[in-house]
Amino acid sequence: MSAWVAETGQEHALTFEADVTDPNALKNAVNSMIEHWGGVDVCIPNAGLGIFSPLEEAPLEDWHRMVDVNIKGVLNTLHACLPSLLENKGLVVQIGSIAARNVFANSGVYCATKHAVLAISESLRIEYRDQLAVTTINPGAVDTAFIDQTSNEALRESYRPQFEEGMSAQFIAEAIGLAIASNGKGVFSEITLRPDRR
């Protein structure tokens, strides 16, 4: 565990390095945050990856890795945070994708994991309507190193321009900030963000 200390000398953040596929590591991190800050008000289970390939060519390990991170990682994070979130009437900001509603060629398993994130969000809304706010952010292409995880060189390089022309990570962060700032005024159930292709 390490702490970042601002020039004022006040602690503004605690950072933990943990594998989202390890439930115990996440529980330990959340317990430390609760001990330090008194509780969890906002949870953003943001770990995710996409490995694109035609289904018949994809290594099974890639499918398992996406399920482990994109679904199990989200569930592990939520499970660790949920008791404190409910106690504080907190907010969950899920990171979905346009792929949650639109299936694309060479990305079937990735799309399936984002469908799962959407279903988890809906379940939280239904079960905890009066106790928890839930926002799902559904971005299109974002200009990050996301595409670099794809080992199929032809696909990776054909998709790369779409990602390079995509939205900035800052734009996505601003949407998350908007969802958090709406507390007490209303809830953004879903925010879909698409690149400006003009």
C-alpha atoms as a PDB file:
ATOM      1  CA  MET A   1       0.000   0.000   0.000  1.00  0.00           C
ATOM      2  CA  SER A   2       1.270   3.476  -0.794  1.00  0.00           C
ATOM      3  CA  ALA A   3      -0.206   6.909  -0.243  1.00  0.00           C
ATOM      4  CA  TRP A   4       0.062   9.965  -2.451  1.00  0.00           C
ATOM      5  CA  VAL A   5       0.464  13.128  -0.434  1.00  0.00           C
ATOM      6  CA  ALA A   6      -0.237  16.552  -1.925  1.00  0.00           C
ATOM      7  CA  GLU A   7       2.018  19.546  -1.331  1.00  0.00           C
ATOM      8  CA  THR A   8      -0.355  20.618   1.435  1.00  0.00           C
ATOM      9  CA  GLY A   9       0.638  17.535   3.374  1.00  0.00           C
ATOM     10  CA  GLN A  10      -2.900  16.110   3.252  1.00  0.00           C
ATOM     11  CA  GLU A  11      -3.553  12.619   1.959  1.00  0.00           C
ATOM     12  CA  HIS A  12      -5.888  12.799  -1.022  1.00  0.00           C
ATOM     13  CA  ALA A  13      -5.597   9.247  -2.291  1.00  0.00           C
ATOM     14  CA  LEU A  14      -4.574   5.765  -1.344  1.00  0.00           C
ATOM     15  CA  THR A  15      -3.299   3.501  -4.084  1.00  0.00           C
ATOM     16  CA  PHE A  16      -3.222  -0.281  -4.086  1.00  0.00           C
ATOM     17  CA  GLU A  17      -1.833  -2.666  -6.638  1.00  0.00           C
ATOM     18  CA  ALA A  18      -4.172  -5.632  -6.925  1.00  0.00           C
ATOM     19  CA  ASP A  19      -5.273  -8.192  -9.491  1.00  0.00           C
ATOM     20  CA  VAL A  20      -9.024  -7.853 -10.092  1.00  0.00           C
ATOM     21  CA  THR A  21      -9.207 -11.607 -10.616  1.00  0.00           C
ATOM     22  CA  ASP A  22      -8.092 -12.098  -6.978  1.00  0.00           C
ATOM     23  CA  PRO A  23     -11.119 -11.547  -4.675  1.00  0.00           C
ATOM     24  CA  ASN A  24      -9.011 -11.567  -1.516  1.00  0.00           C
ATOM     25  CA  ALA A  25      -6.687  -8.849  -2.806  1.00  0.00           C
ATOM     26  CA  LEU A  26      -9.692  -6.647  -3.611  1.00  0.00           C
ATOM     27  CA  LYS A  27     -11.293  -7.274  -0.215  1.00  0.00           C
ATOM     28  CA  ASN A  28      -8.052  -6.297   1.502  1.00  0.00           C
ATOM     29  CA  ALA A  29      -7.813  -3.111  -0.560  1.00  0.00           C
ATOM     30  CA  VAL A  30     -11.434  -2.164   0.155  1.00  0.00           C
ATOM     31  CA  ASN A  31     -11.054  -2.905   3.869  1.00  0.00           C
ATOM     32  CA  SER A  32      -8.011  -0.635   3.977  1.00  0.00           C
ATOM     33  CA  MET A  33      -9.967   2.134   2.228  1.00  0.00           C
ATOM     34  CA  ILE A  34     -12.863   1.768   4.639  1.00  0.00           C
ATOM     35  CA  GLU A  35     -10.467   1.898   7.569  1.00  0.00           C
ATOM     36  CA  HIS A  36      -8.788   5.013   6.173  1.00  0.00           C
ATOM     37  CA  TRP A  37     -11.741   6.923   4.697  1.00  0.00           C
ATOM     38  CA  GLY A  38     -14.672   5.492   6.663  1.00  0.00           C
ATOM     39  CA  GLY A  39     -16.472   3.908   3.717  1.00  0.00           C
ATOM     40  CA  VAL A  40     -16.913   3.637  -0.032  1.00  0.00           C
ATOM     41  CA  ASP A  41     -19.080   6.235  -1.781  1.00  0.00           C
ATOM     42  CA  VAL A  42     -18.251   5.524  -5.433  1.00  0.00           C
ATOM     43  CA  CYS A  43     -17.105   2.315  -7.111  1.00  0.00           C
ATOM     44  CA  ILE A  44     -15.818   2.258 -10.703  1.00  0.00           C
ATOM     45  CA  PRO A  45     -14.879  -1.306 -11.718  1.00  0.00           C
ATOM     46  CA  ASN A  46     -12.860  -0.202 -14.740  1.00  0.00           C
ATOM     47  CA  ALA A  47     -10.560  -3.146 -15.474  1.00  0.00           C
ATOM     48  CA  GLY A  48     -11.230  -4.545 -18.923  1.00  0.00           C
ATOM     49  CA  LEU A  49      -9.564  -5.810 -22.058  1.00  0.00           C
ATOM     50  CA  GLY A  50     -10.479  -6.742 -25.590  1.00  0.00           C
ATOM     51  CA  ILE A  51      -8.656  -9.324 -27.685  1.00  0.00           C
ATOM     52  CA  PHE A  52     -10.066  -9.452 -31.208  1.00  0.00           C
ATOM     53  CA  SER A  53      -9.886 -12.483 -33.479  1.00  0.00           C
ATOM     54  CA  PRO A  54     -12.126 -14.607 -35.704  1.00  0.00           C
ATOM     55  CA  LEU A  55     -13.822 -17.117 -33.400  1.00  0.00           C
ATOM     56  CA  GLU A  56     -12.295 -20.190 -35.032  1.00  0.00           C
ATOM     57  CA  GLU A  57      -8.770 -18.759 -34.727  1.00  0.00           C
ATOM     58  CA  ALA A  58      -8.971 -17.428 -31.175  1.00  0.00           C
ATOM     59  CA  PRO A  59      -6.985 -19.208 -28.454  1.00  0.00           C
ATOM     60  CA  LEU A  60      -9.324 -20.393 -25.695  1.00  0.00           C
ATOM     61  CA  GLU A  61      -7.007 -18.700 -23.192  1.00  0.00           C
ATOM     62  CA  ASP A  62      -7.907 -15.292 -24.701  1.00  0.00           C
ATOM     63  CA  TRP A  63     -11.620 -15.949 -24.174  1.00  0.00           C
ATOM     64  CA  HIS A  64     -11.014 -17.023 -20.587  1.00  0.00           C
ATOM     65  CA  ARG A  65      -8.837 -13.994 -19.917  1.00  0.00           C
ATOM     66  CA  MET A  66     -11.556 -11.592 -21.125  1.00  0.00           C
ATOM     67  CA  VAL A  67     -14.189 -13.336 -19.003  1.00  0.00           C
ATOM     68  CA  ASP A  68     -11.875 -13.373 -15.980  1.00  0.00           C
ATOM     69  CA  VAL A  69     -11.096  -9.660 -16.190  1.00  0.00           C
ATOM     70  CA  ASN A  70     -14.195  -8.123 -17.786  1.00  0.00           C
ATOM     71  CA  ILE A  71     -16.837 -10.108 -15.886  1.00  0.00           C
ATOM     72  CA  LYS A  72     -15.254 -11.765 -12.872  1.00  0.00           C
ATOM     73  CA  GLY A  73     -13.111  -8.694 -12.198  1.00  0.00           C
ATOM     74  CA  VAL A  74     -16.213  -6.500 -12.133  1.00  0.00           C
ATOM     75  CA  LEU A  75     -18.030  -8.967  -9.874  1.00  0.00           C
ATOM     76  CA  ASN A  76     -15.064  -9.280  -7.508  1.00  0.00           C
ATOM     77  CA  THR A  77     -14.802  -5.506  -7.211  1.00  0.00           C
ATOM     78  CA  LEU A  78     -18.527  -5.044  -6.651  1.00  0.00           C
ATOM     79  CA  HIS A  79     -18.671  -7.861  -4.106  1.00  0.00           C
ATOM     80  CA  ALA A  80     -15.908  -6.244  -2.082  1.00  0.00           C
ATOM     81  CA  CYS A  81     -17.449  -2.757  -2.241  1.00  0.00           C
ATOM     82  CA  LEU A  82     -21.184  -3.458  -2.100  1.00  0.00           C
ATOM     83  CA  PRO A  83     -21.750  -3.611   1.690  1.00  0.00           C
ATOM     84  CA  SER A  84     -20.139  -0.206   2.209  1.00  0.00           C
ATOM     85  CA  LEU A  85     -21.772   1.270  -0.898  1.00  0.00           C
ATOM     86  CA  LEU A  86     -25.216   0.231   0.365  1.00  0.00           C
ATOM     87  CA  GLU A  87     -24.496   1.612   3.807  1.00  0.00           C
ATOM     88  CA  ASN A  88     -23.519   4.971   2.272  1.00  0.00           C
ATOM     89  CA  LYS A  89     -26.187   4.979  -0.478  1.00  0.00           C
ATOM     90  CA  GLY A  90     -23.329   5.228  -2.927  1.00  0.00           C
ATOM     91  CA  LEU A  91     -22.819   5.185  -6.681  1.00  0.00           C
ATOM     92  CA  VAL A  92     -21.564   2.463  -9.016  1.00  0.00           C
ATOM     93  CA  VAL A  93     -20.181   3.659 -12.343  1.00  0.00           C
ATOM     94  CA  GLN A  94     -19.870   0.697 -14.677  1.00  0.00           C
ATOM     95  CA  ILE A  95     -17.706   0.913 -17.791  1.00  0.00           C
ATOM     96  CA  GLY A  96     -19.672  -0.802 -20.518  1.00  0.00           C
ATOM     97  CA  SER A  97     -19.241  -0.300 -24.236  1.00  0.00           C
ATOM     98  CA  ILE A  98     -21.208   0.324 -27.385  1.00  0.00           C
ATOM     99  CA  ALA A  99     -20.343  -3.355 -27.878  1.00  0.00           C
ATOM    100  CA  ALA A 100     -22.814  -4.133 -25.070  1.00  0.00           C
ATOM    101  CA  ARG A 101     -25.632  -3.436 -27.533  1.00  0.00           C
ATOM    102  CA  ASN A 102     -23.962  -3.974 -30.927  1.00  0.00           C
ATOM    103  CA  VAL A 103     -22.059  -7.138 -31.734  1.00  0.00           C
ATOM    104  CA  PHE A 104     -19.103  -6.654 -34.066  1.00  0.00           C
ATOM    105  CA  ALA A 105     -17.261  -9.237 -36.167  1.00  0.00           C
ATOM    106  CA  ASN A 106     -14.119 -10.687 -34.575  1.00  0.00           C
ATOM    107  CA  SER A 107     -15.193  -9.478 -31.123  1.00  0.00           C
ATOM    108  CA  GLY A 108     -17.998 -11.831 -30.098  1.00  0.00           C
ATOM    109  CA  VAL A 109     -16.582 -12.820 -26.713  1.00  0.00           C
ATOM    110  CA  TYR A 110     -15.603  -9.245 -25.871  1.00  0.00           C
ATOM    111  CA  CYS A 111     -19.135  -8.105 -26.773  1.00  0.00           C
ATOM    112  CA  ALA A 112     -20.548 -10.897 -24.587  1.00  0.00           C
ATOM    113  CA  THR A 113     -18.544  -9.650 -21.600  1.00  0.00           C
ATOM    114  CA  LYS A 114     -19.917  -6.142 -22.105  1.00  0.00           C
ATOM    115  CA  HIS A 115     -23.463  -7.530 -22.362  1.00  0.00           C
ATOM    116  CA  ALA A 116     -22.759  -9.083 -18.952  1.00  0.00           C
ATOM    117  CA  VAL A 117     -21.654  -5.738 -17.506  1.00  0.00           C
ATOM    118  CA  LEU A 118     -24.885  -4.186 -18.748  1.00  0.00           C
ATOM    119  CA  ALA A 119     -26.933  -6.987 -17.147  1.00  0.00           C
ATOM    120  CA  ILE A 120     -25.084  -6.574 -13.851  1.00  0.00           C
ATOM    121  CA  SER A 121     -25.855  -2.838 -13.928  1.00  0.00           C
ATOM    122  CA  GLU A 122     -29.545  -3.488 -14.532  1.00  0.00           C
ATOM    123  CA  SER A 123     -29.625  -6.035 -11.714  1.00  0.00           C
ATOM    124  CA  LEU A 124     -28.106  -3.517  -9.294  1.00  0.00           C
ATOM    125  CA  ARG A 125     -30.679  -0.899 -10.334  1.00  0.00           C
ATOM    126  CA  ILE A 126     -33.584  -3.281  -9.826  1.00  0.00           C
ATOM    127  CA  GLU A 127     -32.456  -4.806  -6.538  1.00  0.00           C
ATOM    128  CA  TYR A 128     -31.212  -1.613  -4.880  1.00  0.00           C
ATOM    129  CA  ARG A 129     -33.424   1.062  -6.424  1.00  0.00           C
ATOM    130  CA  ASP A 130     -33.648   3.074  -3.189  1.00  0.00           C
ATOM    131  CA  GLN A 131     -30.176   2.303  -1.874  1.00  0.00           C
ATOM    132  CA  LEU A 132     -27.766   2.649  -4.763  1.00  0.00           C
ATOM    133  CA  ALA A 133     -27.280   4.833  -7.823  1.00  0.00           C
ATOM    134  CA  VAL A 134     -25.940   3.105 -10.938  1.00  0.00           C
ATOM    135  CA  THR A 135     -24.523   4.704 -14.077  1.00  0.00           C
ATOM    136  CA  THR A 136     -23.258   2.726 -17.054  1.00  0.00           C
ATOM    137  CA  ILE A 137     -20.844   4.507 -19.376  1.00  0.00           C
ATOM    138  CA  ASN A 138     -20.906   3.039 -22.900  1.00  0.00           C
ATOM    139  CA  PRO A 139     -18.012   4.417 -24.950  1.00  0.00           C
ATOM    140  CA  GLY A 140     -17.196   3.755 -28.560  1.00  0.00           C
ATOM    141  CA  ALA A 141     -13.569   3.771 -29.711  1.00  0.00           C
ATOM    142  CA  VAL A 142     -11.150   5.517 -27.358  1.00  0.00           C
ATOM    143  CA  ASP A 143      -7.610   6.550 -28.273  1.00  0.00           C
ATOM    144  CA  THR A 144      -5.683   4.295 -25.880  1.00  0.00           C
ATOM    145  CA  ALA A 145      -3.433   1.262 -26.175  1.00  0.00           C
ATOM    146  CA  PHE A 146      -6.528  -0.967 -25.947  1.00  0.00           C
ATOM    147  CA  ILE A 147      -6.067  -2.419 -29.434  1.00  0.00           C
ATOM    148  CA  ASP A 148      -2.474  -3.463 -28.678  1.00  0.00           C
ATOM    149  CA  GLN A 149      -3.750  -6.495 -26.752  1.00  0.00           C
ATOM    150  CA  THR A 150      -4.875  -8.078 -30.040  1.00  0.00           C
ATOM    151  CA  SER A 151      -2.201 -10.487 -31.260  1.00  0.00           C
ATOM    152  CA  ASN A 152      -3.774 -10.971 -34.715  1.00  0.00           C
ATOM    153  CA  GLU A 153      -1.531  -8.505 -36.551  1.00  0.00           C
ATOM    154  CA  ALA A 154      -3.781  -7.963 -39.576  1.00  0.00           C
ATOM    155  CA  LEU A 155      -6.831  -7.212 -37.428  1.00  0.00           C
ATOM    156  CA  ARG A 156      -4.859  -5.085 -34.991  1.00  0.00           C
ATOM    157  CA  GLU A 157      -3.462  -2.856 -37.705  1.00  0.00           C
ATOM    158  CA  SER A 158      -6.773  -2.615 -39.581  1.00  0.00           C
ATOM    159  CA  TYR A 159      -8.548  -1.500 -36.384  1.00  0.00           C
ATOM    160  CA  ARG A 160      -5.784   0.811 -35.171  1.00  0.00           C
ATOM    161  CA  PRO A 161      -6.885   3.920 -37.170  1.00  0.00           C
ATOM    162  CA  GLN A 162     -10.398   3.646 -35.716  1.00  0.00           C
ATOM    163  CA  PHE A 163      -8.983   3.755 -32.193  1.00  0.00           C
ATOM    164  CA  GLU A 164      -6.449   6.491 -32.993  1.00  0.00           C
ATOM    165  CA  GLU A 165      -9.321   8.635 -34.304  1.00  0.00           C
ATOM    166  CA  GLY A 166     -11.403   7.802 -31.252  1.00  0.00           C
ATOM    167  CA  MET A 167     -12.266   9.837 -28.175  1.00  0.00           C
ATOM    168  CA  SER A 168      -9.743  10.893 -25.579  1.00  0.00           C
ATOM    169  CA  ALA A 169      -9.611   9.120 -22.229  1.00  0.00           C
ATOM    170  CA  GLN A 170     -10.136  12.575 -20.685  1.00  0.00           C
ATOM    171  CA  PHE A 171     -13.541  12.816 -22.395  1.00  0.00           C
ATOM    172  CA  ILE A 172     -14.591   9.506 -20.818  1.00  0.00           C
ATOM    173  CA  ALA A 173     -13.288  10.671 -17.431  1.00  0.00           C
ATOM    174  CA  GLU A 174     -15.357  13.839 -17.739  1.00  0.00           C
ATOM    175  CA  ALA A 175     -18.494  11.744 -18.314  1.00  0.00           C
ATOM    176  CA  ILE A 176     -17.688   9.752 -15.179  1.00  0.00           C
ATOM    177  CA  GLY A 177     -17.193  13.021 -13.298  1.00  0.00           C
ATOM    178  CA  LEU A 178     -20.571  14.235 -14.549  1.00  0.00           C
ATOM    179  CA  ALA A 179     -22.240  11.089 -13.217  1.00  0.00           C
ATOM    180  CA  ILE A 180     -20.590  11.543  -9.824  1.00  0.00           C
ATOM    181  CA  ALA A 181     -21.403  15.273  -9.661  1.00  0.00           C
ATOM    182  CA  SER A 182     -25.101  14.583 -10.322  1.00  0.00           C
ATOM    183  CA  ASN A 183     -25.422  13.116  -6.825  1.00  0.00           C
ATOM    184  CA  GLY A 184     -28.512  14.522  -5.139  1.00  0.00           C
ATOM    185  CA  LYS A 185     -29.942  15.946  -8.363  1.00  0.00           C
ATOM    186  CA  GLY A 186     -30.627  12.818 -10.388  1.00  0.00           C
ATOM    187  CA  VAL A 187     -28.977   9.742 -11.834  1.00  0.00           C
ATOM    188  CA  PHE A 188     -27.579   9.207 -15.315  1.00  0.00           C
ATOM    189  CA  SER A 189     -28.646   5.588 -15.851  1.00  0.00           C
ATOM    190  CA  GLU A 190     -26.633   5.298 -19.070  1.00  0.00           C
ATOM    191  CA  ILE A 191     -24.291   7.588 -20.964  1.00  0.00           C
ATOM    192  CA  THR A 192     -23.332   6.553 -24.504  1.00  0.00           C
ATOM    193  CA  LEU A 193     -20.307   8.282 -25.965  1.00  0.00           C
ATOM    194  CA  ARG A 194     -19.312   8.129 -29.617  1.00  0.00           C
ATOM    195  CA  PRO A 195     -16.379   9.651 -31.476  1.00  0.00           C
ATOM    196  CA  ASP A 196     -17.044  12.817 -33.429  1.00  0.00           C
ATOM    197  CA  ARG A 197     -16.610  11.601 -37.016  1.00  0.00           C
ATOM    198  CA  ARG A 198     -17.318  14.952 -38.700  1.00  0.00           C
END
